[in-house]
Every structure is written in structure tokens, then in C-alpha cells.
């Protein structure tokens, strides 16, 4: 994933609860070994998520209507920014490794 607007996957007909999305964030954070200071879910117009330098993770409320795999990729991408602030080779490799090893359906 990049900071550019990603293509929109087909939305599910039902949405998952906010509490489930936040639980997924905390489960991934434990796997990755990071601790976001706060997690916020709100409408975002240009991207799926962001992670501030002080540890605030913000996710687009549109993720509530996306498949588990899309949610996992966005969550992992943003949480890894707590370790690596850029989108270099190492960052991209870690995203792929985590999503492949631990992601839904793996």
C-alpha cells in the first residue's frame, strides 16, 4: 500500500463493528510488537489510514465495509510506521511478510 489513494475493493454488504476493527488493530499491534498511543476511526477522503509520529493511528471508517484482507493490509501498513517511517524496501517487505504469515486465510 502507498500513501496514494488505493483502488477501492468491492465493499461487503454488511459492515463490521468499530469494536472489531479496533480489536484487529490491537491484535496486529501485539504481533508486530508496537503499541499505538491511540486508535481513531473516522471518515477519510484521500486514504485508508495514517499514523502520526507521536503514535496516533487513524483509520478510515470505510474500512468497516471492506473484507478482512483489506483491513489487515491497511492495519499492518499503518502500524509498521511506528517502526519505520518510510515506504522503503524493508517496509514493503515487512508488510508482505506479516500479511502473508498472519493475515486472514493464511
PDB file of N, CA and C in Angstrom:
ATOM      1  N   UNK A   1       0.840  -1.168   0.000  1.00  0.00           N
ATOM      2  CA  UNK A   1       0.000   0.000   0.000  1.00  0.00           C
ATOM      3  C   UNK A   1       0.895   1.245   0.000  1.00  0.00           C
ATOM      4  N   UNK A   2       0.396   2.283  -0.576  1.00  0.00           N
ATOM      5  CA  UNK A   2       1.127   3.538  -0.604  1.00  0.00           C
ATOM      6  C   UNK A   2       0.254   4.623  -0.030  1.00  0.00           C
ATOM      7  N   UNK A   3       0.811   5.820   0.087  1.00  0.00           N
ATOM      8  CA  UNK A   3       0.022   6.941   0.573  1.00  0.00           C
ATOM      9  C   UNK A   3      -0.954   7.442  -0.481  1.00  0.00           C
ATOM     10  N   UNK A   4      -0.794   6.997  -1.720  1.00  0.00           N
ATOM     11  CA  UNK A   4      -1.726   7.370  -2.762  1.00  0.00           C
ATOM     12  C   UNK A   4      -3.056   6.681  -2.499  1.00  0.00           C
ATOM     13  N   UNK A   5      -4.112   7.222  -3.046  1.00  0.00           N
ATOM     14  CA  UNK A   5      -5.419   6.627  -2.866  1.00  0.00           C
ATOM     15  C   UNK A   5      -5.441   5.259  -3.514  1.00  0.00           C
ATOM     16  N   UNK A   6      -5.726   4.205  -2.710  1.00  0.00           N
ATOM     17  CA  UNK A   6      -5.728   2.855  -3.267  1.00  0.00           C
ATOM     18  C   UNK A   6      -6.998   2.607  -4.066  1.00  0.00           C
ATOM     19  N   UNK A   7      -6.971   1.644  -4.981  1.00  0.00           N
ATOM     20  CA  UNK A   7      -8.207   1.292  -5.670  1.00  0.00           C
ATOM     21  C   UNK A   7      -9.187   0.738  -4.654  1.00  0.00           C
ATOM     22  N   UNK A   8     -10.437   1.047  -4.812  1.00  0.00           N
ATOM     23  CA  UNK A   8     -11.431   0.605  -3.852  1.00  0.00           C
ATOM     24  C   UNK A   8     -11.854  -0.829  -4.141  1.00  0.00           C
ATOM     25  N   UNK A   9     -11.611  -1.752  -3.191  1.00  0.00           N
ATOM     26  CA  UNK A   9     -12.089  -3.115  -3.363  1.00  0.00           C
ATOM     27  C   UNK A   9     -13.617  -3.122  -3.282  1.00  0.00           C
ATOM     28  N   UNK A  10     -14.198  -4.178  -3.732  1.00  0.00           N
ATOM     29  CA  UNK A  10     -15.647  -4.305  -3.641  1.00  0.00           C
ATOM     30  C   UNK A  10     -16.031  -4.352  -2.169  1.00  0.00           C
ATOM     31  N   UNK A  11     -16.965  -3.512  -1.790  1.00  0.00           N
ATOM     32  CA  UNK A  11     -17.391  -3.443  -0.397  1.00  0.00           C
ATOM     33  C   UNK A  11     -18.295  -4.629  -0.053  1.00  0.00           C
ATOM     34  N   UNK A  12     -18.253  -5.020   1.203  1.00  0.00           N
ATOM     35  CA  UNK A  12     -19.163  -6.041   1.692  1.00  0.00           C
ATOM     36  C   UNK A  12     -20.548  -5.428   1.825  1.00  0.00           C
ATOM     37  N   UNK A  13     -21.573  -6.262   1.829  1.00  0.00           N
ATOM     38  CA  UNK A  13     -22.910  -5.727   2.005  1.00  0.00           C
ATOM     39  C   UNK A  13     -23.144  -5.340   3.456  1.00  0.00           C
ATOM     40  N   UNK A  14     -22.438  -5.966   4.381  1.00  0.00           N
ATOM     41  CA  UNK A  14     -22.570  -5.647   5.799  1.00  0.00           C
ATOM     42  C   UNK A  14     -21.259  -5.074   6.292  1.00  0.00           C
ATOM     43  N   UNK A  15     -21.339  -4.290   7.336  1.00  0.00           N
ATOM     44  CA  UNK A  15     -20.127  -3.737   7.908  1.00  0.00           C
ATOM     45  C   UNK A  15     -19.798  -4.455   9.208  1.00  0.00           C
ATOM     46  N   UNK A  16     -18.522  -4.383   9.601  1.00  0.00           N
ATOM     47  CA  UNK A  16     -18.117  -4.938  10.887  1.00  0.00           C
ATOM     48  C   UNK A  16     -18.217  -3.824  11.928  1.00  0.00           C
ATOM     49  N   UNK A  17     -18.403  -4.162  13.181  1.00  0.00           N
ATOM     50  CA  UNK A  17     -18.479  -3.142  14.219  1.00  0.00           C
ATOM     51  C   UNK A  17     -17.131  -2.449  14.439  1.00  0.00           C
ATOM     52  N   UNK A  18     -17.177  -1.208  14.887  1.00  0.00           N
ATOM     53  CA  UNK A  18     -15.964  -0.444  15.186  1.00  0.00           C
ATOM     54  C   UNK A  18     -15.112  -1.207  16.199  1.00  0.00           C
ATOM     55  N   UNK A  19     -15.759  -1.841  17.172  1.00  0.00           N
ATOM     56  CA  UNK A  19     -15.033  -2.568  18.209  1.00  0.00           C
ATOM     57  C   UNK A  19     -14.208  -3.698  17.607  1.00  0.00           C
ATOM     58  N   UNK A  20     -14.724  -4.346  16.552  1.00  0.00           N
ATOM     59  CA  UNK A  20     -13.973  -5.425  15.897  1.00  0.00           C
ATOM     60  C   UNK A  20     -12.751  -4.859  15.186  1.00  0.00           C
ATOM     61  N   UNK A  21     -12.908  -3.754  14.484  1.00  0.00           N
ATOM     62  CA  UNK A  21     -11.770  -3.130  13.805  1.00  0.00           C
ATOM     63  C   UNK A  21     -10.689  -2.738  14.813  1.00  0.00           C
ATOM     64  N   UNK A  22     -11.096  -2.167  15.937  1.00  0.00           N
ATOM     65  CA  UNK A  22     -10.118  -1.792  16.966  1.00  0.00           C
ATOM     66  C   UNK A  22      -9.467  -3.028  17.576  1.00  0.00           C
ATOM     67  N   UNK A  23     -10.216  -4.102  17.739  1.00  0.00           N
ATOM     68  CA  UNK A  23      -9.643  -5.357  18.253  1.00  0.00           C
ATOM     69  C   UNK A  23      -8.615  -5.912  17.274  1.00  0.00           C
ATOM     70  N   UNK A  24      -8.902  -5.799  15.974  1.00  0.00           N
ATOM     71  CA  UNK A  24      -7.945  -6.245  14.962  1.00  0.00           C
ATOM     72  C   UNK A  24      -6.664  -5.416  15.043  1.00  0.00           C
ATOM     73  N   UNK A  25      -6.808  -4.109  15.257  1.00  0.00           N
ATOM     74  CA  UNK A  25      -5.631  -3.244  15.387  1.00  0.00           C
ATOM     75  C   UNK A  25      -4.787  -3.696  16.571  1.00  0.00           C
ATOM     76  N   UNK A  26      -5.406  -3.949  17.710  1.00  0.00           N
ATOM     77  CA  UNK A  26      -4.646  -4.341  18.902  1.00  0.00           C
ATOM     78  C   UNK A  26      -4.012  -5.727  18.741  1.00  0.00           C
ATOM     79  N   UNK A  27      -4.699  -6.635  18.051  1.00  0.00           N
ATOM     80  CA  UNK A  27      -4.123  -7.962  17.809  1.00  0.00           C
ATOM     81  C   UNK A  27      -2.889  -7.839  16.901  1.00  0.00           C
ATOM     82  N   UNK A  28      -2.996  -7.043  15.838  1.00  0.00           N
ATOM     83  CA  UNK A  28      -1.845  -6.845  14.946  1.00  0.00           C
ATOM     84  C   UNK A  28      -0.717  -6.126  15.672  1.00  0.00           C
ATOM     85  N   UNK A  29      -1.048  -5.155  16.494  1.00  0.00           N
ATOM     86  CA  UNK A  29      -0.014  -4.425  17.230  1.00  0.00           C
ATOM     87  C   UNK A  29       0.790  -5.387  18.109  1.00  0.00           C
ATOM     88  N   UNK A  30       0.106  -6.332  18.747  1.00  0.00           N
ATOM     89  CA  UNK A  30       0.801  -7.318  19.586  1.00  0.00           C
ATOM     90  C   UNK A  30       1.709  -8.198  18.737  1.00  0.00           C
ATOM     91  N   UNK A  31       1.251  -8.626  17.562  1.00  0.00           N
ATOM     92  CA  UNK A  31       2.071  -9.458  16.676  1.00  0.00           C
ATOM     93  C   UNK A  31       3.314  -8.716  16.202  1.00  0.00           C
ATOM     94  N   UNK A  32       3.129  -7.441  15.887  1.00  0.00           N
ATOM     95  CA  UNK A  32       4.228  -6.648  15.335  1.00  0.00           C
ATOM     96  C   UNK A  32       5.157  -6.142  16.437  1.00  0.00           C
ATOM     97  N   UNK A  33       4.637  -6.040  17.649  1.00  0.00           N
ATOM     98  CA  UNK A  33       5.445  -5.558  18.767  1.00  0.00           C
ATOM     99  C   UNK A  33       5.463  -4.049  18.883  1.00  0.00           C
ATOM    100  N   UNK A  34       4.322  -3.428  18.582  1.00  0.00           N
ATOM    101  CA  UNK A  34       4.206  -1.975  18.711  1.00  0.00           C
ATOM    102  C   UNK A  34       2.981  -1.658  19.557  1.00  0.00           C
ATOM    103  N   UNK A  35       2.904  -0.423  20.023  1.00  0.00           N
ATOM    104  CA  UNK A  35       1.769  -0.001  20.831  1.00  0.00           C
ATOM    105  C   UNK A  35       1.340   1.401  20.411  1.00  0.00           C
ATOM    106  N   UNK A  36       0.304   1.495  19.583  1.00  0.00           N
ATOM    107  CA  UNK A  36      -0.169   2.828  19.220  1.00  0.00           C
ATOM    108  C   UNK A  36      -0.706   3.534  20.459  1.00  0.00           C
ATOM    109  N   UNK A  37      -0.462   4.829  20.556  1.00  0.00           N
ATOM    110  CA  UNK A  37      -0.937   5.593  21.719  1.00  0.00           C
ATOM    111  C   UNK A  37      -2.449   5.743  21.701  1.00  0.00           C
ATOM    112  N   UNK A  38      -3.030   5.851  20.488  1.00  0.00           N
ATOM    113  CA  UNK A  38      -4.479   5.940  20.359  1.00  0.00           C
ATOM    114  C   UNK A  38      -4.885   5.418  18.980  1.00  0.00           C
ATOM    115  N   UNK A  39      -6.133   4.957  18.906  1.00  0.00           N
ATOM    116  CA  UNK A  39      -6.682   4.452  17.647  1.00  0.00           C
ATOM    117  C   UNK A  39      -8.004   5.169  17.414  1.00  0.00           C
ATOM    118  N   UNK A  40      -8.113   5.819  16.249  1.00  0.00           N
ATOM    119  CA  UNK A  40      -9.319   6.562  15.905  1.00  0.00           C
ATOM    120  C   UNK A  40      -9.862   6.051  14.580  1.00  0.00           C
ATOM    121  N   UNK A  41     -11.190   5.967  14.516  1.00  0.00           N
ATOM    122  CA  UNK A  41     -11.875   5.568  13.290  1.00  0.00           C
ATOM    123  C   UNK A  41     -12.735   6.762  12.877  1.00  0.00           C
ATOM    124  N   UNK A  42     -12.504   7.272  11.664  1.00  0.00           N
ATOM    125  CA  UNK A  42     -13.291   8.415  11.188  1.00  0.00           C
ATOM    126  C   UNK A  42     -13.283   8.409   9.664  1.00  0.00           C
ATOM    127  N   UNK A  43     -14.230   9.115   9.066  1.00  0.00           N
ATOM    128  CA  UNK A  43     -14.214   9.200   7.599  1.00  0.00           C
ATOM    129  C   UNK A  43     -12.962   9.934   7.117  1.00  0.00           C
ATOM    130  N   UNK A  44     -12.327   9.370   6.118  1.00  0.00           N
ATOM    131  CA  UNK A  44     -11.160   9.990   5.495  1.00  0.00           C
ATOM    132  C   UNK A  44     -11.427  10.005   3.996  1.00  0.00           C
ATOM    133  N   UNK A  45     -11.056  11.076   3.329  1.00  0.00           N
ATOM    134  CA  UNK A  45     -11.403  11.199   1.918  1.00  0.00           C
ATOM    135  C   UNK A  45     -10.302  10.765   0.969  1.00  0.00           C
ATOM    136  N   UNK A  46      -9.045  10.770   1.416  1.00  0.00           N
ATOM    137  CA  UNK A  46      -7.951  10.528   0.482  1.00  0.00           C
ATOM    138  C   UNK A  46      -7.159   9.257   0.717  1.00  0.00           C
ATOM    139  N   UNK A  47      -7.311   8.625   1.882  1.00  0.00           N
ATOM    140  CA  UNK A  47      -6.518   7.431   2.167  1.00  0.00           C
ATOM    141  C   UNK A  47      -7.231   6.562   3.188  1.00  0.00           C
ATOM    142  N   UNK A  48      -6.767   5.337   3.297  1.00  0.00           N
ATOM    143  CA  UNK A  48      -7.353   4.379   4.221  1.00  0.00           C
ATOM    144  C   UNK A  48      -6.923   4.614   5.662  1.00  0.00           C
ATOM    145  N   UNK A  49      -5.740   5.178   5.867  1.00  0.00           N
ATOM    146  CA  UNK A  49      -5.274   5.363   7.231  1.00  0.00           C
ATOM    147  C   UNK A  49      -4.063   6.248   7.302  1.00  0.00           C
ATOM    148  N   UNK A  50      -3.710   6.606   8.532  1.00  0.00           N
ATOM    149  CA  UNK A  50      -2.494   7.377   8.762  1.00  0.00           C
ATOM    150  C   UNK A  50      -1.972   7.053  10.158  1.00  0.00           C
ATOM    151  N   UNK A  51      -0.694   7.324  10.337  1.00  0.00           N
ATOM    152  CA  UNK A  51      -0.047   7.102  11.625  1.00  0.00           C
ATOM    153  C   UNK A  51       0.843   8.297  11.895  1.00  0.00           C
ATOM    154  N   UNK A  52       0.568   9.003  12.973  1.00  0.00           N
ATOM    155  CA  UNK A  52       1.364  10.186  13.286  1.00  0.00           C
ATOM    156  C   UNK A  52       2.661   9.784  13.974  1.00  0.00           C
ATOM    157  N   UNK A  53       3.601  10.705  13.998  1.00  0.00           N
ATOM    158  CA  UNK A  53       4.895  10.427  14.632  1.00  0.00           C
ATOM    159  C   UNK A  53       4.778  10.248  16.146  1.00  0.00           C
ATOM    160  N   UNK A  54       3.666  10.707  16.727  1.00  0.00           N
ATOM    161  CA  UNK A  54       3.505  10.504  18.170  1.00  0.00           C
ATOM    162  C   UNK A  54       2.661   9.266  18.496  1.00  0.00           C
ATOM    163  N   UNK A  55       2.371   8.435  17.475  1.00  0.00           N
ATOM    164  CA  UNK A  55       1.721   7.154  17.728  1.00  0.00           C
ATOM    165  C   UNK A  55       0.216   7.124  17.585  1.00  0.00           C
ATOM    166  N   UNK A  56      -0.381   8.165  17.046  1.00  0.00           N
ATOM    167  CA  UNK A  56      -1.830   8.188  16.845  1.00  0.00           C
ATOM    168  C   UNK A  56      -2.152   7.499  15.519  1.00  0.00           C
ATOM    169  N   UNK A  57      -2.943   6.434  15.583  1.00  0.00           N
ATOM    170  CA  UNK A  57      -3.350   5.693  14.400  1.00  0.00           C
ATOM    171  C   UNK A  57      -4.777   6.102  14.055  1.00  0.00           C
ATOM    172  N   UNK A  58      -4.992   6.536  12.817  1.00  0.00           N
ATOM    173  CA  UNK A  58      -6.327   6.911  12.355  1.00  0.00           C
ATOM    174  C   UNK A  58      -6.660   6.064  11.145  1.00  0.00           C
ATOM    175  N   UNK A  59      -7.835   5.431  11.183  1.00  0.00           N
ATOM    176  CA  UNK A  59      -8.281   4.584  10.082  1.00  0.00           C
ATOM    177  C   UNK A  59      -9.593   5.109   9.520  1.00  0.00           C
ATOM    178  N   UNK A  60      -9.747   4.966   8.215  1.00  0.00           N
ATOM    179  CA  UNK A  60     -10.956   5.396   7.536  1.00  0.00           C
ATOM    180  C   UNK A  60     -12.131   4.506   7.941  1.00  0.00           C
ATOM    181  N   UNK A  61     -13.241   5.113   8.284  1.00  0.00           N
ATOM    182  CA  UNK A  61     -14.429   4.342   8.665  1.00  0.00           C
ATOM    183  C   UNK A  61     -14.929   3.474   7.503  1.00  0.00           C
ATOM    184  N   UNK A  62     -14.517   3.788   6.287  1.00  0.00           N
ATOM    185  CA  UNK A  62     -14.870   2.954   5.141  1.00  0.00           C
ATOM    186  C   UNK A  62     -14.299   1.547   5.242  1.00  0.00           C
ATOM    187  N   UNK A  63     -13.264   1.361   6.053  1.00  0.00           N
ATOM    188  CA  UNK A  63     -12.699   0.018   6.235  1.00  0.00           C
ATOM    189  C   UNK A  63     -13.695  -0.932   6.889  1.00  0.00           C
ATOM    190  N   UNK A  64     -14.671  -0.388   7.588  1.00  0.00           N
ATOM    191  CA  UNK A  64     -15.665  -1.230   8.249  1.00  0.00           C
ATOM    192  C   UNK A  64     -16.469  -2.047   7.234  1.00  0.00           C
ATOM    193  N   UNK A  65     -16.499  -1.599   5.991  1.00  0.00           N
ATOM    194  CA  UNK A  65     -17.251  -2.287   4.947  1.00  0.00           C
ATOM    195  C   UNK A  65     -16.347  -3.039   3.980  1.00  0.00           C
ATOM    196  N   UNK A  66     -15.089  -3.246   4.362  1.00  0.00           N
ATOM    197  CA  UNK A  66     -14.134  -3.924   3.489  1.00  0.00           C
ATOM    198  C   UNK A  66     -13.852  -5.336   4.002  1.00  0.00           C
ATOM    199  N   UNK A  67     -13.406  -6.218   3.112  1.00  0.00           N
ATOM    200  CA  UNK A  67     -13.056  -7.585   3.522  1.00  0.00           C
ATOM    201  C   UNK A  67     -11.904  -7.589   4.538  1.00  0.00           C
ATOM    202  N   UNK A  68     -11.816  -8.656   5.296  1.00  0.00           N
ATOM    203  CA  UNK A  68     -10.794  -8.794   6.338  1.00  0.00           C
ATOM    204  C   UNK A  68      -9.379  -8.613   5.784  1.00  0.00           C
ATOM    205  N   UNK A  69      -9.110  -9.104   4.580  1.00  0.00           N
ATOM    206  CA  UNK A  69      -7.772  -8.995   3.997  1.00  0.00           C
ATOM    207  C   UNK A  69      -7.393  -7.526   3.772  1.00  0.00           C
ATOM    208  N   UNK A  70      -8.324  -6.729   3.299  1.00  0.00           N
ATOM    209  CA  UNK A  70      -8.053  -5.298   3.075  1.00  0.00           C
ATOM    210  C   UNK A  70      -7.799  -4.610   4.411  1.00  0.00           C
ATOM    211  N   UNK A  71      -8.626  -4.908   5.406  1.00  0.00           N
ATOM    212  CA  UNK A  71      -8.422  -4.316   6.736  1.00  0.00           C
ATOM    213  C   UNK A  71      -7.048  -4.683   7.274  1.00  0.00           C
ATOM    214  N   UNK A  72      -6.664  -5.951   7.123  1.00  0.00           N
ATOM    215  CA  UNK A  72      -5.363  -6.405   7.635  1.00  0.00           C
ATOM    216  C   UNK A  72      -4.222  -5.662   6.964  1.00  0.00           C
ATOM    217  N   UNK A  73      -4.276  -5.515   5.655  1.00  0.00           N
ATOM    218  CA  UNK A  73      -3.197  -4.832   4.936  1.00  0.00           C
ATOM    219  C   UNK A  73      -3.055  -3.386   5.369  1.00  0.00           C
ATOM    220  N   UNK A  74      -4.176  -2.695   5.554  1.00  0.00           N
ATOM    221  CA  UNK A  74      -4.125  -1.295   5.978  1.00  0.00           C
ATOM    222  C   UNK A  74      -3.610  -1.201   7.413  1.00  0.00           C
ATOM    223  N   UNK A  75      -4.108  -2.039   8.290  1.00  0.00           N
ATOM    224  CA  UNK A  75      -3.687  -2.021   9.694  1.00  0.00           C
ATOM    225  C   UNK A  75      -2.190  -2.286   9.808  1.00  0.00           C
ATOM    226  N   UNK A  76      -1.718  -3.328   9.144  1.00  0.00           N
ATOM    227  CA  UNK A  76      -0.289  -3.665   9.204  1.00  0.00           C
ATOM    228  C   UNK A  76       0.537  -2.513   8.648  1.00  0.00           C
ATOM    229  N   UNK A  77       0.114  -1.978   7.515  1.00  0.00           N
ATOM    230  CA  UNK A  77       0.842  -0.860   6.896  1.00  0.00           C
ATOM    231  C   UNK A  77       0.993   0.294   7.892  1.00  0.00           C
ATOM    232  N   UNK A  78      -0.093   0.701   8.493  1.00  0.00           N
ATOM    233  CA  UNK A  78      -0.031   1.850   9.406  1.00  0.00           C
ATOM    234  C   UNK A  78       0.743   1.528  10.682  1.00  0.00           C
ATOM    235  N   UNK A  79       0.558   0.353  11.251  1.00  0.00           N
ATOM    236  CA  UNK A  79       1.282   0.006  12.475  1.00  0.00           C
ATOM    237  C   UNK A  79       2.788  -0.085  12.241  1.00  0.00           C
ATOM    238  N   UNK A  80       3.186  -0.562  11.075  1.00  0.00           N
ATOM    239  CA  UNK A  80       4.620  -0.650  10.789  1.00  0.00           C
ATOM    240  C   UNK A  80       5.272   0.720  10.718  1.00  0.00           C
ATOM    241  N   UNK A  81       4.483   1.757  10.487  1.00  0.00           N
ATOM    242  CA  UNK A  81       5.054   3.102  10.515  1.00  0.00           C
ATOM    243  C   UNK A  81       5.533   3.488  11.917  1.00  0.00           C
ATOM    244  N   UNK A  82       5.092   2.782  12.932  1.00  0.00           N
ATOM    245  CA  UNK A  82       5.607   3.028  14.285  1.00  0.00           C
ATOM    246  C   UNK A  82       7.044   2.533  14.412  1.00  0.00           C
ATOM    247  N   UNK A  83       7.451   1.641  13.517  1.00  0.00           N
ATOM    248  CA  UNK A  83       8.831   1.152  13.487  1.00  0.00           C
ATOM    249  C   UNK A  83       9.641   1.813  12.385  1.00  0.00           C
ATOM    250  N   UNK A  84       9.034   1.978  11.218  1.00  0.00           N
ATOM    251  CA  UNK A  84       9.721   2.529  10.041  1.00  0.00           C
ATOM    252  C   UNK A  84       8.875   3.653   9.450  1.00  0.00           C
ATOM    253  N   UNK A  85       9.376   4.863   9.418  1.00  0.00           N
ATOM    254  CA  UNK A  85       8.561   5.987   8.950  1.00  0.00           C
ATOM    255  C   UNK A  85       8.448   6.122   7.431  1.00  0.00           C
ATOM    256  N   UNK A  86       9.132   5.284   6.674  1.00  0.00           N
ATOM    257  CA  UNK A  86       9.140   5.443   5.222  1.00  0.00           C
ATOM    258  C   UNK A  86       8.495   4.243   4.534  1.00  0.00           C
ATOM    259  N   UNK A  87       8.524   4.240   3.213  1.00  0.00           N
ATOM    260  CA  UNK A  87       7.966   3.147   2.426  1.00  0.00           C
ATOM    261  C   UNK A  87       9.058   2.427   1.633  1.00  0.00           C
ATOM    262  N   UNK A  88      10.226   2.302   2.225  1.00  0.00           N
ATOM    263  CA  UNK A  88      11.360   1.662   1.560  1.00  0.00           C
ATOM    264  C   UNK A  88      11.169   0.164   1.384  1.00  0.00           C
ATOM    265  N   UNK A  89      12.227  -0.479   0.862  1.00  0.00           N
ATOM    266  CA  UNK A  89      12.187  -1.918   0.599  1.00  0.00           C
ATOM    267  C   UNK A  89      11.895  -2.725   1.865  1.00  0.00           C
ATOM    268  N   UNK A  90      12.564  -2.380   2.952  1.00  0.00           N
ATOM    269  CA  UNK A  90      12.361  -3.104   4.203  1.00  0.00           C
ATOM    270  C   UNK A  90      10.907  -2.985   4.650  1.00  0.00           C
ATOM    271  N   UNK A  91      10.373  -1.785   4.601  1.00  0.00           N
ATOM    272  CA  UNK A  91       8.986  -1.549   4.996  1.00  0.00           C
ATOM    273  C   UNK A  91       8.039  -2.415   4.163  1.00  0.00           C
ATOM    274  N   UNK A  92       8.180  -2.345   2.851  1.00  0.00           N
ATOM    275  CA  UNK A  92       7.299  -3.109   1.957  1.00  0.00           C
ATOM    276  C   UNK A  92       7.439  -4.614   2.182  1.00  0.00           C
ATOM    277  N   UNK A  93       8.659  -5.065   2.421  1.00  0.00           N
ATOM    278  CA  UNK A  93       8.886  -6.482   2.697  1.00  0.00           C
ATOM    279  C   UNK A  93       8.221  -6.929   3.986  1.00  0.00           C
ATOM    280  N   UNK A  94       8.291  -6.090   5.007  1.00  0.00           N
ATOM    281  CA  UNK A  94       7.646  -6.424   6.280  1.00  0.00           C
ATOM    282  C   UNK A  94       6.129  -6.470   6.145  1.00  0.00           C
ATOM    283  N   UNK A  95       5.561  -5.531   5.412  1.00  0.00           N
ATOM    284  CA  UNK A  95       4.109  -5.555   5.194  1.00  0.00           C
ATOM    285  C   UNK A  95       3.719  -6.878   4.551  1.00  0.00           C
ATOM    286  N   UNK A  96       4.415  -7.244   3.476  1.00  0.00           N
ATOM    287  CA  UNK A  96       4.105  -8.507   2.783  1.00  0.00           C
ATOM    288  C   UNK A  96       4.276  -9.707   3.714  1.00  0.00           C
ATOM    289  N   UNK A  97       5.369  -9.717   4.469  1.00  0.00           N
ATOM    290  CA  UNK A  97       5.641 -10.852   5.355  1.00  0.00           C
ATOM    291  C   UNK A  97       4.554 -11.013   6.422  1.00  0.00           C
ATOM    292  N   UNK A  98       4.177  -9.922   7.077  1.00  0.00           N
ATOM    293  CA  UNK A  98       3.159 -10.014   8.119  1.00  0.00           C
ATOM    294  C   UNK A  98       1.808 -10.421   7.551  1.00  0.00           C
ATOM    295  N   UNK A  99       1.401  -9.796   6.467  1.00  0.00           N
ATOM    296  CA  UNK A  99       0.087 -10.093   5.904  1.00  0.00           C
ATOM    297  C   UNK A  99       0.044 -11.524   5.381  1.00  0.00           C
ATOM    298  N   UNK A 100       1.128 -12.001   4.790  1.00  0.00           N
ATOM    299  CA  UNK A 100       1.164 -13.370   4.280  1.00  0.00           C
ATOM    300  C   UNK A 100       1.197 -14.388   5.415  1.00  0.00           C
ATOM    301  N   UNK A 101       2.017 -14.123   6.438  1.00  0.00           N
ATOM    302  CA  UNK A 101       2.182 -15.080   7.526  1.00  0.00           C
ATOM    303  C   UNK A 101       0.980 -15.130   8.454  1.00  0.00           C
ATOM    304  N   UNK A 102       0.418 -13.963   8.788  1.00  0.00           N
ATOM    305  CA  UNK A 102      -0.621 -13.908   9.803  1.00  0.00           C
ATOM    306  C   UNK A 102      -1.992 -13.486   9.302  1.00  0.00           C
ATOM    307  N   UNK A 103      -2.060 -13.080   8.048  1.00  0.00           N
ATOM    308  CA  UNK A 103      -3.281 -12.489   7.525  1.00  0.00           C
ATOM    309  C   UNK A 103      -4.438 -13.464   7.434  1.00  0.00           C
ATOM    310  N   UNK A 104      -5.616 -12.907   7.206  1.00  0.00           N
ATOM    311  CA  UNK A 104      -6.806 -13.745   7.044  1.00  0.00           C
ATOM    312  C   UNK A 104      -6.582 -14.752   5.918  1.00  0.00           C
ATOM    313  N   UNK A 105      -6.932 -15.960   6.149  1.00  0.00           N
ATOM    314  CA  UNK A 105      -6.778 -17.009   5.147  1.00  0.00           C
ATOM    315  C   UNK A 105      -5.400 -17.639   5.115  1.00  0.00           C
ATOM    316  N   UNK A 106      -4.469 -17.114   5.925  1.00  0.00           N
ATOM    317  CA  UNK A 106      -3.109 -17.672   5.929  1.00  0.00           C
ATOM    318  C   UNK A 106      -3.019 -18.890   6.824  1.00  0.00           C
TER     319      UNK A 106
END
